[in-house]
PDB file of N, CA and C in Angstrom:
ATOM      1  N   MET A   1      97.849 187.694  27.129  1.00  0.00           N
ATOM      2  CA  MET A   1      96.793 188.092  28.028  1.00  0.00           C
ATOM      3  C   MET A   1      97.373 188.852  29.209  1.00  0.00           C
ATOM      4  N   SER A   2      96.609 189.812  29.672  1.00  0.00           N
ATOM      5  CA  SER A   2      97.052 190.577  30.835  1.00  0.00           C
ATOM      6  C   SER A   2      96.733 189.813  32.118  1.00  0.00           C
ATOM      7  N   ARG A   3      97.449 190.156  33.144  1.00  0.00           N
ATOM      8  CA  ARG A   3      97.274 189.531  34.458  1.00  0.00           C
ATOM      9  C   ARG A   3      97.009 190.625  35.476  1.00  0.00           C
ATOM     10  N   ILE A   4      95.985 190.417  36.305  1.00  0.00           N
ATOM     11  CA  ILE A   4      95.664 191.347  37.383  1.00  0.00           C
ATOM     12  C   ILE A   4      95.761 190.574  38.685  1.00  0.00           C
ATOM     13  N   ASN A   5      96.579 191.067  39.613  1.00  0.00           N
ATOM     14  CA  ASN A   5      96.680 190.479  40.947  1.00  0.00           C
ATOM     15  C   ASN A   5      95.875 191.340  41.915  1.00  0.00           C
ATOM     16  N   VAL A   6      95.067 190.708  42.723  1.00  0.00           N
ATOM     17  CA  VAL A   6      94.238 191.398  43.707  1.00  0.00           C
ATOM     18  C   VAL A   6      94.737 191.032  45.097  1.00  0.00           C
ATOM     19  N   SER A   7      94.950 192.041  45.931  1.00  0.00           N
ATOM     20  CA  SER A   7      95.362 191.825  47.310  1.00  0.00           C
ATOM     21  C   SER A   7      94.206 192.155  48.242  1.00  0.00           C
ATOM     22  N   SER A   8      94.061 191.368  49.312  1.00  0.00           N
ATOM     23  CA  SER A   8      93.038 191.673  50.316  1.00  0.00           C
ATOM     24  C   SER A   8      93.661 192.348  51.529  1.00  0.00           C
ATOM     25  N   GLY A   9      94.976 192.484  51.523  1.00  0.00           N
ATOM     26  CA  GLY A   9      95.653 193.093  52.661  1.00  0.00           C
ATOM     27  C   GLY A   9      96.049 192.095  53.737  1.00  0.00           C
ATOM     28  N   SER A  10      95.849 190.809  53.476  1.00  0.00           N
ATOM     29  CA  SER A  10      96.226 189.793  54.441  1.00  0.00           C
ATOM     30  C   SER A  10      97.725 189.846  54.706  1.00  0.00           C
ATOM     31  N   SER A  11      98.098 189.691  55.969  1.00  0.00           N
ATOM     32  CA  SER A  11      99.523 189.688  56.310  1.00  0.00           C
ATOM     33  C   SER A  11     100.235 188.485  55.717  1.00  0.00           C
ATOM     34  N   TYR A  12      99.481 187.446  55.347  1.00  0.00           N
ATOM     35  CA  TYR A  12     100.087 186.258  54.758  1.00  0.00           C
ATOM     36  C   TYR A  12     100.525 186.485  53.310  1.00  0.00           C
ATOM     37  N   GLU A  13      99.881 187.413  52.606  1.00  0.00           N
ATOM     38  CA  GLU A  13     100.155 187.585  51.175  1.00  0.00           C
ATOM     39  C   GLU A  13     101.615 187.900  50.877  1.00  0.00           C
ATOM     40  N   PRO A  14     102.213 188.947  51.480  1.00  0.00           N
ATOM     41  CA  PRO A  14     103.618 189.220  51.153  1.00  0.00           C
ATOM     42  C   PRO A  14     104.581 188.188  51.740  1.00  0.00           C
ATOM     43  N   THR A  15     104.234 187.617  52.895  1.00  0.00           N
ATOM     44  CA  THR A  15     105.111 186.645  53.541  1.00  0.00           C
ATOM     45  C   THR A  15     105.197 185.350  52.740  1.00  0.00           C
ATOM     46  N   ILE A  16     104.034 184.837  52.343  1.00  0.00           N
ATOM     47  CA  ILE A  16     103.989 183.582  51.597  1.00  0.00           C
ATOM     48  C   ILE A  16     104.248 183.827  50.112  1.00  0.00           C
ATOM     49  N   GLY A  17     103.847 185.009  49.631  1.00  0.00           N
ATOM     50  CA  GLY A  17     104.033 185.341  48.221  1.00  0.00           C
ATOM     51  C   GLY A  17     102.865 184.887  47.370  1.00  0.00           C
ATOM     52  N   PHE A  18     101.658 185.356  47.697  1.00  0.00           N
ATOM     53  CA  PHE A  18     100.487 185.007  46.893  1.00  0.00           C
ATOM     54  C   PHE A  18      99.543 186.191  46.810  1.00  0.00           C
ATOM     55  N   SER A  19      98.589 186.096  45.906  1.00  0.00           N
ATOM     56  CA  SER A  19      97.541 187.101  45.757  1.00  0.00           C
ATOM     57  C   SER A  19      96.223 186.500  46.213  1.00  0.00           C
ATOM     58  N   ARG A  20      95.351 187.333  46.755  1.00  0.00           N
ATOM     59  CA  ARG A  20      94.013 186.855  47.125  1.00  0.00           C
ATOM     60  C   ARG A  20      93.300 186.325  45.894  1.00  0.00           C
ATOM     61  N   ALA A  21      93.455 187.049  44.774  1.00  0.00           N
ATOM     62  CA  ALA A  21      92.847 186.602  43.520  1.00  0.00           C
ATOM     63  C   ALA A  21      93.761 186.988  42.370  1.00  0.00           C
ATOM     64  N   VAL A  22      93.646 186.220  41.295  1.00  0.00           N
ATOM     65  CA  VAL A  22      94.384 186.508  40.061  1.00  0.00           C
ATOM     66  C   VAL A  22      93.390 186.404  38.911  1.00  0.00           C
ATOM     67  N   ARG A  23      93.405 187.444  38.068  1.00  0.00           N
ATOM     68  CA  ARG A  23      92.581 187.398  36.855  1.00  0.00           C
ATOM     69  C   ARG A  23      93.500 187.343  35.656  1.00  0.00           C
ATOM     70  N   VAL A  24      93.258 186.370  34.810  1.00  0.00           N
ATOM     71  CA  VAL A  24      93.944 186.241  33.532  1.00  0.00           C
ATOM     72  C   VAL A  24      92.859 186.073  32.486  1.00  0.00           C
ATOM     73  N   GLY A  25      92.756 187.045  31.590  1.00  0.00           N
ATOM     74  CA  GLY A  25      91.683 187.012  30.604  1.00  0.00           C
ATOM     75  C   GLY A  25      90.337 187.101  31.296  1.00  0.00           C
ATOM     76  N   ASP A  26      89.462 186.157  30.996  1.00  0.00           N
ATOM     77  CA  ASP A  26      88.129 186.171  31.608  1.00  0.00           C
ATOM     78  C   ASP A  26      88.027 185.262  32.829  1.00  0.00           C
ATOM     79  N   ARG A  27      89.147 184.708  33.250  1.00  0.00           N
ATOM     80  CA  ARG A  27      89.155 183.752  34.366  1.00  0.00           C
ATOM     81  C   ARG A  27      89.703 184.393  35.635  1.00  0.00           C
ATOM     82  N   VAL A  28      89.006 184.180  36.753  1.00  0.00           N
ATOM     83  CA  VAL A  28      89.448 184.690  38.054  1.00  0.00           C
ATOM     84  C   VAL A  28      89.560 183.507  39.014  1.00  0.00           C
ATOM     85  N   LEU A  29      90.696 183.407  39.654  1.00  0.00           N
ATOM     86  CA  LEU A  29      90.944 182.368  40.653  1.00  0.00           C
ATOM     87  C   LEU A  29      91.147 183.054  41.993  1.00  0.00           C
ATOM     88  N   VAL A  30      90.353 182.681  42.990  1.00  0.00           N
ATOM     89  CA  VAL A  30      90.477 183.254  44.326  1.00  0.00           C
ATOM     90  C   VAL A  30      91.105 182.203  45.229  1.00  0.00           C
ATOM     91  N   ALA A  31      92.190 182.595  45.870  1.00  0.00           N
ATOM     92  CA  ALA A  31      92.966 181.690  46.724  1.00  0.00           C
ATOM     93  C   ALA A  31      92.168 181.226  47.931  1.00  0.00           C
ATOM     94  N   GLY A  32      92.681 180.181  48.569  1.00  0.00           N
ATOM     95  CA  GLY A  32      92.095 179.729  49.824  1.00  0.00           C
ATOM     96  C   GLY A  32      91.918 180.908  50.765  1.00  0.00           C
ATOM     97  N   THR A  33      90.704 181.054  51.286  1.00  0.00           N
ATOM     98  CA  THR A  33      90.333 182.233  52.057  1.00  0.00           C
ATOM     99  C   THR A  33      89.859 181.813  53.438  1.00  0.00           C
ATOM    100  N   ALA A  34      90.518 182.342  54.440  1.00  0.00           N
ATOM    101  CA  ALA A  34      90.198 182.020  55.826  1.00  0.00           C
ATOM    102  C   ALA A  34      89.246 183.081  56.400  1.00  0.00           C
ATOM    103  N   PRO A  35      88.558 182.745  57.476  1.00  0.00           N
ATOM    104  CA  PRO A  35      87.542 183.617  58.060  1.00  0.00           C
ATOM    105  C   PRO A  35      88.092 184.646  59.030  1.00  0.00           C
ATOM    106  N   ILE A  36      89.013 185.466  58.567  1.00  0.00           N
ATOM    107  CA  ILE A  36      89.695 186.426  59.442  1.00  0.00           C
ATOM    108  C   ILE A  36      89.097 187.819  59.254  1.00  0.00           C
ATOM    109  N   TRP A  37      88.829 188.488  60.355  1.00  0.00           N
ATOM    110  CA  TRP A  37      88.374 189.877  60.319  1.00  0.00           C
ATOM    111  C   TRP A  37      89.596 190.790  60.231  1.00  0.00           C
ATOM    112  N   PRO A  38      89.422 192.035  59.812  1.00  0.00           N
ATOM    113  CA  PRO A  38      90.576 192.938  59.661  1.00  0.00           C
ATOM    114  C   PRO A  38      91.438 193.076  60.923  1.00  0.00           C
ATOM    115  N   ASP A  39      90.839 192.931  62.101  1.00  0.00           N
ATOM    116  CA  ASP A  39      91.615 193.044  63.340  1.00  0.00           C
ATOM    117  C   ASP A  39      92.293 191.733  63.742  1.00  0.00           C
ATOM    118  N   GLY A  40      92.174 190.702  62.884  1.00  0.00           N
ATOM    119  CA  GLY A  40      92.803 189.413  63.148  1.00  0.00           C
ATOM    120  C   GLY A  40      91.940 188.444  63.922  1.00  0.00           C
ATOM    121  N   GLU A  41      90.775 188.893  64.349  1.00  0.00           N
ATOM    122  CA  GLU A  41      89.880 188.030  65.104  1.00  0.00           C
ATOM    123  C   GLU A  41      89.218 186.984  64.204  1.00  0.00           C
ATOM    124  N   VAL A  42      88.788 185.892  64.815  1.00  0.00           N
ATOM    125  CA  VAL A  42      88.078 184.819  64.133  1.00  0.00           C
ATOM    126  C   VAL A  42      86.890 184.442  65.006  1.00  0.00           C
ATOM    127  N   ASP A  43      85.685 184.572  64.459  1.00  0.00           N
ATOM    128  CA  ASP A  43      84.482 184.211  65.204  1.00  0.00           C
ATOM    129  C   ASP A  43      84.458 182.693  65.379  1.00  0.00           C
ATOM    130  N   PRO A  44      84.080 182.182  66.545  1.00  0.00           N
ATOM    131  CA  PRO A  44      84.079 180.727  66.753  1.00  0.00           C
ATOM    132  C   PRO A  44      82.924 179.988  66.068  1.00  0.00           C
ATOM    133  N   ASP A  45      81.912 180.711  65.588  1.00  0.00           N
ATOM    134  CA  ASP A  45      80.745 180.087  64.951  1.00  0.00           C
ATOM    135  C   ASP A  45      81.060 179.739  63.496  1.00  0.00           C
ATOM    136  N   VAL A  46      80.892 178.474  63.121  1.00  0.00           N
ATOM    137  CA  VAL A  46      81.258 178.024  61.772  1.00  0.00           C
ATOM    138  C   VAL A  46      80.418 178.724  60.697  1.00  0.00           C
ATOM    139  N   SER A  47      79.160 179.035  60.977  1.00  0.00           N
ATOM    140  CA  SER A  47      78.332 179.743  59.986  1.00  0.00           C
ATOM    141  C   SER A  47      78.850 181.150  59.753  1.00  0.00           C
ATOM    142  N   VAL A  48      79.243 181.822  60.808  1.00  0.00           N
ATOM    143  CA  VAL A  48      79.823 183.162  60.683  1.00  0.00           C
ATOM    144  C   VAL A  48      81.139 183.073  59.916  1.00  0.00           C
ATOM    145  N   GLN A  49      81.929 182.050  60.200  1.00  0.00           N
ATOM    146  CA  GLN A  49      83.191 181.868  59.486  1.00  0.00           C
ATOM    147  C   GLN A  49      82.944 181.646  57.996  1.00  0.00           C
ATOM    148  N   ALA A  50      81.980 180.810  57.655  1.00  0.00           N
ATOM    149  CA  ALA A  50      81.685 180.548  56.243  1.00  0.00           C
ATOM    150  C   ALA A  50      81.253 181.832  55.543  1.00  0.00           C
ATOM    151  N   ARG A  51      80.390 182.603  56.173  1.00  0.00           N
ATOM    152  CA  ARG A  51      79.921 183.863  55.597  1.00  0.00           C
ATOM    153  C   ARG A  51      81.095 184.830  55.388  1.00  0.00           C
ATOM    154  N   ARG A  52      81.996 184.880  56.365  1.00  0.00           N
ATOM    155  CA  ARG A  52      83.162 185.769  56.251  1.00  0.00           C
ATOM    156  C   ARG A  52      84.054 185.346  55.079  1.00  0.00           C
ATOM    157  N   CYS A  53      84.295 184.051  54.926  1.00  0.00           N
ATOM    158  CA  CYS A  53      85.096 183.570  53.791  1.00  0.00           C
ATOM    159  C   CYS A  53      84.472 184.021  52.470  1.00  0.00           C
ATOM    160  N   ILE A  54      83.179 183.833  52.338  1.00  0.00           N
ATOM    161  CA  ILE A  54      82.500 184.182  51.083  1.00  0.00           C
ATOM    162  C   ILE A  54      82.533 185.679  50.850  1.00  0.00           C
ATOM    163  N   GLU A  55      82.332 186.476  51.891  1.00  0.00           N
ATOM    164  CA  GLU A  55      82.396 187.933  51.733  1.00  0.00           C
ATOM    165  C   GLU A  55      83.765 188.371  51.231  1.00  0.00           C
ATOM    166  N   ILE A  56      84.829 187.811  51.799  1.00  0.00           N
ATOM    167  CA  ILE A  56      86.191 188.162  51.370  1.00  0.00           C
ATOM    168  C   ILE A  56      86.409 187.745  49.912  1.00  0.00           C
ATOM    169  N   MET A  57      85.974 186.533  49.568  1.00  0.00           N
ATOM    170  CA  MET A  57      86.166 186.040  48.197  1.00  0.00           C
ATOM    171  C   MET A  57      85.394 186.888  47.195  1.00  0.00           C
ATOM    172  N   LEU A  58      84.149 187.226  47.507  1.00  0.00           N
ATOM    173  CA  LEU A  58      83.348 188.013  46.564  1.00  0.00           C
ATOM    174  C   LEU A  58      83.879 189.431  46.419  1.00  0.00           C
ATOM    175  N   ALA A  59      84.448 189.991  47.478  1.00  0.00           N
ATOM    176  CA  ALA A  59      85.074 191.313  47.375  1.00  0.00           C
ATOM    177  C   ALA A  59      86.279 191.253  46.435  1.00  0.00           C
ATOM    178  N   ALA A  60      87.077 190.198  46.543  1.00  0.00           N
ATOM    179  CA  ALA A  60      88.231 190.035  45.651  1.00  0.00           C
ATOM    180  C   ALA A  60      87.762 189.833  44.213  1.00  0.00           C
ATOM    181  N   LEU A  61      86.718 189.029  44.038  1.00  0.00           N
ATOM    182  CA  LEU A  61      86.164 188.807  42.704  1.00  0.00           C
ATOM    183  C   LEU A  61      85.683 190.118  42.097  1.00  0.00           C
ATOM    184  N   GLU A  62      84.982 190.919  42.887  1.00  0.00           N
ATOM    185  CA  GLU A  62      84.495 192.207  42.398  1.00  0.00           C
ATOM    186  C   GLU A  62      85.653 193.122  42.008  1.00  0.00           C
ATOM    187  N   GLU A  63      86.706 193.139  42.821  1.00  0.00           N
ATOM    188  CA  GLU A  63      87.871 193.966  42.498  1.00  0.00           C
ATOM    189  C   GLU A  63      88.524 193.514  41.188  1.00  0.00           C
ATOM    190  N   ALA A  64      88.399 192.232  40.879  1.00  0.00           N
ATOM    191  CA  ALA A  64      88.947 191.699  39.629  1.00  0.00           C
ATOM    192  C   ALA A  64      87.989 191.886  38.455  1.00  0.00           C
ATOM    193  N   GLY A  65      86.831 192.484  38.719  1.00  0.00           N
ATOM    194  CA  GLY A  65      85.883 192.757  37.639  1.00  0.00           C
ATOM    195  C   GLY A  65      84.761 191.751  37.503  1.00  0.00           C
ATOM    196  N   GLY A  66      84.615 190.873  38.481  1.00  0.00           N
ATOM    197  CA  GLY A  66      83.593 189.839  38.399  1.00  0.00           C
ATOM    198  C   GLY A  66      82.410 190.090  39.307  1.00  0.00           C
ATOM    199  N   ARG A  67      81.417 189.222  39.162  1.00  0.00           N
ATOM    200  CA  ARG A  67      80.191 189.260  39.959  1.00  0.00           C
ATOM    201  C   ARG A  67      79.921 187.861  40.492  1.00  0.00           C
ATOM    202  N   PRO A  68      79.093 187.735  41.504  1.00  0.00           N
ATOM    203  CA  PRO A  68      78.765 186.394  41.998  1.00  0.00           C
ATOM    204  C   PRO A  68      78.240 185.477  40.896  1.00  0.00           C
ATOM    205  N   GLU A  69      77.499 186.018  39.961  1.00  0.00           N
ATOM    206  CA  GLU A  69      76.940 185.210  38.866  1.00  0.00           C
ATOM    207  C   GLU A  69      78.010 184.593  37.975  1.00  0.00           C
ATOM    208  N   ASP A  70      79.238 185.086  38.060  1.00  0.00           N
ATOM    209  CA  ASP A  70      80.348 184.560  37.257  1.00  0.00           C
ATOM    210  C   ASP A  70      81.023 183.347  37.900  1.00  0.00           C
ATOM    211  N   VAL A  71      80.668 183.032  39.143  1.00  0.00           N
ATOM    212  CA  VAL A  71      81.319 181.933  39.866  1.00  0.00           C
ATOM    213  C   VAL A  71      80.922 180.596  39.244  1.00  0.00           C
ATOM    214  N   VAL A  72      81.932 179.803  38.903  1.00  0.00           N
ATOM    215  CA  VAL A  72      81.687 178.492  38.295  1.00  0.00           C
ATOM    216  C   VAL A  72      82.137 177.330  39.187  1.00  0.00           C
ATOM    217  N   ARG A  73      82.965 177.605  40.207  1.00  0.00           N
ATOM    218  CA  ARG A  73      83.433 176.537  41.094  1.00  0.00           C
ATOM    219  C   ARG A  73      83.752 177.121  42.465  1.00  0.00           C
ATOM    220  N   THR A  74      83.384 176.352  43.500  1.00  0.00           N
ATOM    221  CA  THR A  74      83.801 176.681  44.862  1.00  0.00           C
ATOM    222  C   THR A  74      84.358 175.422  45.513  1.00  0.00           C
ATOM    223  N   ARG A  75      85.235 175.652  46.482  1.00  0.00           N
ATOM    224  CA  ARG A  75      85.779 174.556  47.283  1.00  0.00           C
ATOM    225  C   ARG A  75      85.682 174.962  48.747  1.00  0.00           C
ATOM    226  N   MET A  76      85.230 174.036  49.571  1.00  0.00           N
ATOM    227  CA  MET A  76      85.080 174.284  51.004  1.00  0.00           C
ATOM    228  C   MET A  76      85.869 173.228  51.757  1.00  0.00           C
ATOM    229  N   PHE A  77      86.748 173.672  52.615  1.00  0.00           N
ATOM    230  CA  PHE A  77      87.573 172.780  53.416  1.00  0.00           C
ATOM    231  C   PHE A  77      87.115 172.907  54.865  1.00  0.00           C
ATOM    232  N   LEU A  78      86.650 171.797  55.453  1.00  0.00           N
ATOM    233  CA  LEU A  78      86.117 171.780  56.809  1.00  0.00           C
ATOM    234  C   LEU A  78      87.007 170.944  57.711  1.00  0.00           C
ATOM    235  N   THR A  79      87.090 171.326  58.969  1.00  0.00           N
ATOM    236  CA  THR A  79      87.874 170.537  59.916  1.00  0.00           C
ATOM    237  C   THR A  79      87.029 169.507  60.654  1.00  0.00           C
ATOM    238  N   ASP A  80      85.710 169.534  60.443  1.00  0.00           N
ATOM    239  CA  ASP A  80      84.820 168.607  61.134  1.00  0.00           C
ATOM    240  C   ASP A  80      83.623 168.319  60.228  1.00  0.00           C
ATOM    241  N   PRO A  81      83.312 167.064  59.968  1.00  0.00           N
ATOM    242  CA  PRO A  81      82.182 166.750  59.090  1.00  0.00           C
ATOM    243  C   PRO A  81      80.842 167.264  59.611  1.00  0.00           C
ATOM    244  N   SER A  82      80.725 167.491  60.912  1.00  0.00           N
ATOM    245  CA  SER A  82      79.464 168.010  61.453  1.00  0.00           C
ATOM    246  C   SER A  82      79.199 169.447  61.012  1.00  0.00           C
ATOM    247  N   HIS A  83      80.187 170.095  60.438  1.00  0.00           N
ATOM    248  CA  HIS A  83      80.019 171.468  59.954  1.00  0.00           C
ATOM    249  C   HIS A  83      79.469 171.527  58.533  1.00  0.00           C
ATOM    250  N   ALA A  84      79.286 170.384  57.896  1.00  0.00           N
ATOM    251  CA  ALA A  84      78.832 170.370  56.497  1.00  0.00           C
ATOM    252  C   ALA A  84      77.485 171.064  56.325  1.00  0.00           C
ATOM    253  N   ASP A  85      76.520 170.780  57.169  1.00  0.00           N
ATOM    254  CA  ASP A  85      75.199 171.392  57.007  1.00  0.00           C
ATOM    255  C   ASP A  85      75.218 172.907  57.216  1.00  0.00           C
ATOM    256  N   PRO A  86      75.798 173.425  58.311  1.00  0.00           N
ATOM    257  CA  PRO A  86      75.786 174.885  58.457  1.00  0.00           C
ATOM    258  C   PRO A  86      76.596 175.605  57.372  1.00  0.00           C
ATOM    259  N   VAL A  87      77.722 175.042  56.973  1.00  0.00           N
ATOM    260  CA  VAL A  87      78.510 175.668  55.907  1.00  0.00           C
ATOM    261  C   VAL A  87      77.759 175.589  54.583  1.00  0.00           C
ATOM    262  N   GLY A  88      77.159 174.441  54.307  1.00  0.00           N
ATOM    263  CA  GLY A  88      76.373 174.296  53.084  1.00  0.00           C
ATOM    264  C   GLY A  88      75.208 175.263  53.030  1.00  0.00           C
ATOM    265  N   LYS A  89      74.569 175.498  54.156  1.00  0.00           N
ATOM    266  CA  LYS A  89      73.449 176.449  54.206  1.00  0.00           C
ATOM    267  C   LYS A  89      73.917 177.861  53.861  1.00  0.00           C
ATOM    268  N   VAL A  90      75.038 178.275  54.432  1.00  0.00           N
ATOM    269  CA  VAL A  90      75.572 179.609  54.119  1.00  0.00           C
ATOM    270  C   VAL A  90      75.965 179.680  52.647  1.00  0.00           C
ATOM    271  N   HIS A  91      76.602 178.649  52.142  1.00  0.00           N
ATOM    272  CA  HIS A  91      76.970 178.606  50.718  1.00  0.00           C
ATOM    273  C   HIS A  91      75.719 178.796  49.867  1.00  0.00           C
ATOM    274  N   GLY A  92      74.642 178.119  50.244  1.00  0.00           N
ATOM    275  CA  GLY A  92      73.387 178.234  49.514  1.00  0.00           C
ATOM    276  C   GLY A  92      72.787 179.625  49.546  1.00  0.00           C
ATOM    277  N   GLU A  93      72.989 180.362  50.645  1.00  0.00           N
ATOM    278  CA  GLU A  93      72.496 181.739  50.717  1.00  0.00           C
ATOM    279  C   GLU A  93      73.082 182.597  49.601  1.00  0.00           C
ATOM    280  N   PHE A  94      74.317 182.324  49.241  1.00  0.00           N
ATOM    281  CA  PHE A  94      75.006 183.108  48.221  1.00  0.00           C
ATOM    282  C   PHE A  94      74.874 182.508  46.823  1.00  0.00           C
ATOM    283  N   PHE A  95      74.832 181.171  46.739  1.00  0.00           N
ATOM    284  CA  PHE A  95      74.994 180.525  45.443  1.00  0.00           C
ATOM    285  C   PHE A  95      73.846 179.616  45.004  1.00  0.00           C
ATOM    286  N   ALA A  96      72.731 179.579  45.722  1.00  0.00           N
ATOM    287  CA  ALA A  96      71.627 178.674  45.370  1.00  0.00           C
ATOM    288  C   ALA A  96      71.123 178.890  43.950  1.00  0.00           C
ATOM    289  N   ASP A  97      71.050 180.132  43.500  1.00  0.00           N
ATOM    290  CA  ASP A  97      70.559 180.409  42.149  1.00  0.00           C
ATOM    291  C   ASP A  97      71.651 180.289  41.093  1.00  0.00           C
ATOM    292  N   ILE A  98      72.904 180.409  41.502  1.00  0.00           N
ATOM    293  CA  ILE A  98      74.038 180.362  40.570  1.00  0.00           C
ATOM    294  C   ILE A  98      74.470 178.911  40.342  1.00  0.00           C
ATOM    295  N   ARG A  99      74.473 178.141  41.399  1.00  0.00           N
ATOM    296  CA  ARG A  99      74.786 176.718  41.392  1.00  0.00           C
ATOM    297  C   ARG A  99      76.119 176.359  40.722  1.00  0.00           C
ATOM    298  N   PRO A 100      77.225 176.897  41.274  1.00  0.00           N
ATOM    299  CA  PRO A 100      78.531 176.511  40.731  1.00  0.00           C
ATOM    300  C   PRO A 100      78.849 175.060  41.068  1.00  0.00           C
ATOM    301  N   ALA A 101      79.790 174.491  40.338  1.00  0.00           N
ATOM    302  CA  ALA A 101      80.333 173.198  40.751  1.00  0.00           C
ATOM    303  C   ALA A 101      80.968 173.432  42.121  1.00  0.00           C
ATOM    304  N   ALA A 102      80.697 172.554  43.068  1.00  0.00           N
ATOM    305  CA  ALA A 102      81.180 172.781  44.430  1.00  0.00           C
ATOM    306  C   ALA A 102      81.753 171.492  45.011  1.00  0.00           C
ATOM    307  N   THR A 103      82.799 171.660  45.788  1.00  0.00           N
ATOM    308  CA  THR A 103      83.433 170.546  46.473  1.00  0.00           C
ATOM    309  C   THR A 103      83.534 170.894  47.945  1.00  0.00           C
ATOM    310  N   MET A 104      83.188 169.932  48.793  1.00  0.00           N
ATOM    311  CA  MET A 104      83.332 170.102  50.237  1.00  0.00           C
ATOM    312  C   MET A 104      84.113 168.906  50.744  1.00  0.00           C
ATOM    313  N   VAL A 105      85.239 169.172  51.393  1.00  0.00           N
ATOM    314  CA  VAL A 105      86.070 168.084  51.920  1.00  0.00           C
ATOM    315  C   VAL A 105      86.414 168.355  53.379  1.00  0.00           C
ATOM    316  N   VAL A 106      86.644 167.285  54.107  1.00  0.00           N
ATOM    317  CA  VAL A 106      87.087 167.398  55.489  1.00  0.00           C
ATOM    318  C   VAL A 106      88.596 167.183  55.503  1.00  0.00           C
ATOM    319  N   VAL A 107      89.281 168.092  56.171  1.00  0.00           N
ATOM    320  CA  VAL A 107      90.734 168.014  56.297  1.00  0.00           C
ATOM    321  C   VAL A 107      91.088 167.853  57.772  1.00  0.00           C
ATOM    322  N   LYS A 108      92.276 167.373  58.028  1.00  0.00           N
ATOM    323  CA  LYS A 108      92.696 167.152  59.406  1.00  0.00           C
ATOM    324  C   LYS A 108      92.732 168.457  60.187  1.00  0.00           C
ATOM    325  N   GLU A 109      93.307 169.497  59.585  1.00  0.00           N
ATOM    326  CA  GLU A 109      93.380 170.803  60.229  1.00  0.00           C
ATOM    327  C   GLU A 109      93.716 171.864  59.196  1.00  0.00           C
ATOM    328  N   LEU A 110      93.509 173.115  59.591  1.00  0.00           N
ATOM    329  CA  LEU A 110      93.872 174.253  58.750  1.00  0.00           C
ATOM    330  C   LEU A 110      95.028 174.986  59.424  1.00  0.00           C
ATOM    331  N   LEU A 111      95.562 175.984  58.773  1.00  0.00           N
ATOM    332  CA  LEU A 111      96.766 176.674  59.242  1.00  0.00           C
ATOM    333  C   LEU A 111      96.627 177.223  60.660  1.00  0.00           C
ATOM    334  N   ASP A 112      95.470 177.773  60.985  1.00  0.00           N
ATOM    335  CA  ASP A 112      95.208 178.345  62.308  1.00  0.00           C
ATOM    336  C   ASP A 112      94.131 177.483  62.974  1.00  0.00           C
ATOM    337  N   PRO A 113      94.339 177.013  64.187  1.00  0.00           N
ATOM    338  CA  PRO A 113      93.350 176.131  64.816  1.00  0.00           C
ATOM    339  C   PRO A 113      91.988 176.788  65.057  1.00  0.00           C
ATOM    340  N   ARG A 114      91.907 178.106  64.994  1.00  0.00           N
ATOM    341  CA  ARG A 114      90.614 178.788  65.153  1.00  0.00           C
ATOM    342  C   ARG A 114      89.759 178.651  63.899  1.00  0.00           C
ATOM    343  N   TRP A 115      90.386 178.391  62.759  1.00  0.00           N
ATOM    344  CA  TRP A 115      89.650 178.287  61.505  1.00  0.00           C
ATOM    345  C   TRP A 115      88.966 176.934  61.430  1.00  0.00           C
ATOM    346  N   LEU A 116      87.658 176.954  61.246  1.00  0.00           N
ATOM    347  CA  LEU A 116      86.881 175.730  61.086  1.00  0.00           C
ATOM    348  C   LEU A 116      86.573 175.463  59.626  1.00  0.00           C
ATOM    349  N   VAL A 117      86.744 176.496  58.803  1.00  0.00           N
ATOM    350  CA  VAL A 117      86.459 176.400  57.370  1.00  0.00           C
ATOM    351  C   VAL A 117      87.398 177.340  56.615  1.00  0.00           C
ATOM    352  N   GLU A 118      87.756 176.935  55.423  1.00  0.00           N
ATOM    353  CA  GLU A 118      88.504 177.771  54.479  1.00  0.00           C
ATOM    354  C   GLU A 118      87.879 177.500  53.121  1.00  0.00           C
ATOM    355  N   MET A 119      87.808 178.516  52.278  1.00  0.00           N
ATOM    356  CA  MET A 119      87.145 178.365  50.977  1.00  0.00           C
ATOM    357  C   MET A 119      87.953 179.005  49.857  1.00  0.00           C
ATOM    358  N   GLU A 120      87.661 178.567  48.641  1.00  0.00           N
ATOM    359  CA  GLU A 120      88.219 179.209  47.452  1.00  0.00           C
ATOM    360  C   GLU A 120      87.166 179.156  46.350  1.00  0.00           C
ATOM    361  N   LEU A 121      87.357 179.992  45.335  1.00  0.00           N
ATOM    362  CA  LEU A 121      86.417 179.980  44.215  1.00  0.00           C
ATOM    363  C   LEU A 121      87.114 180.285  42.912  1.00  0.00           C
ATOM    364  N   GLU A 122      86.424 179.920  41.838  1.00  0.00           N
ATOM    365  CA  GLU A 122      86.863 180.234  40.482  1.00  0.00           C
ATOM    366  C   GLU A 122      85.677 180.845  39.751  1.00  0.00           C
ATOM    367  N   ALA A 123      85.976 181.796  38.878  1.00  0.00           N
ATOM    368  CA  ALA A 123      84.922 182.452  38.108  1.00  0.00           C
ATOM    369  C   ALA A 123      85.389 182.667  36.690  1.00  0.00           C
ATOM    370  N   VAL A 124      84.430 182.734  35.793  1.00  0.00           N
ATOM    371  CA  VAL A 124      84.680 183.105  34.411  1.00  0.00           C
ATOM    372  C   VAL A 124      83.795 184.313  34.135  1.00  0.00           C
ATOM    373  N   ILE A 125      84.438 185.433  33.866  1.00  0.00           N
ATOM    374  CA  ILE A 125      83.730 186.698  33.672  1.00  0.00           C
ATOM    375  C   ILE A 125      82.882 186.625  32.401  1.00  0.00           C
ATOM    376  N   GLY A 126      81.624 187.007  32.550  1.00  0.00           N
ATOM    377  CA  GLY A 126      80.740 187.083  31.391  1.00  0.00           C
ATOM    378  C   GLY A 126      80.084 185.778  31.014  1.00  0.00           C
ATOM    379  N   VAL A 127      80.041 184.815  31.932  1.00  0.00           N
ATOM    380  CA  VAL A 127      79.405 183.525  31.652  1.00  0.00           C
ATOM    381  C   VAL A 127      77.929 183.738  31.393  1.00  0.00           C
TER     382      VAL A 127
END
């Protein structure tokens, strides 16, 4: 099977040695995605952060040949349980009709203290 690596241009990718997404066959895995804007800024609003994570992930999925309808799993990592409702609402804006398997967990902290949420997804092309 062929392998396609997708880069989002994150400064972390070459330093850490990872791809934003990897497609092998009909499967696409999108790495943990933080809510960073191209200029490095991070909006303090958790809903804006969640939307930004999903936008970055879906752009990587599209570059790998997928569509939102191909998403079969998402994972949401939150730094505060009070963020579950706003993050869940944003997730629903994108995935309410698709209904992937989803996991939401609270973690002690993320790599950058400005990040309140980080997300990842998996897709199977042509589901």
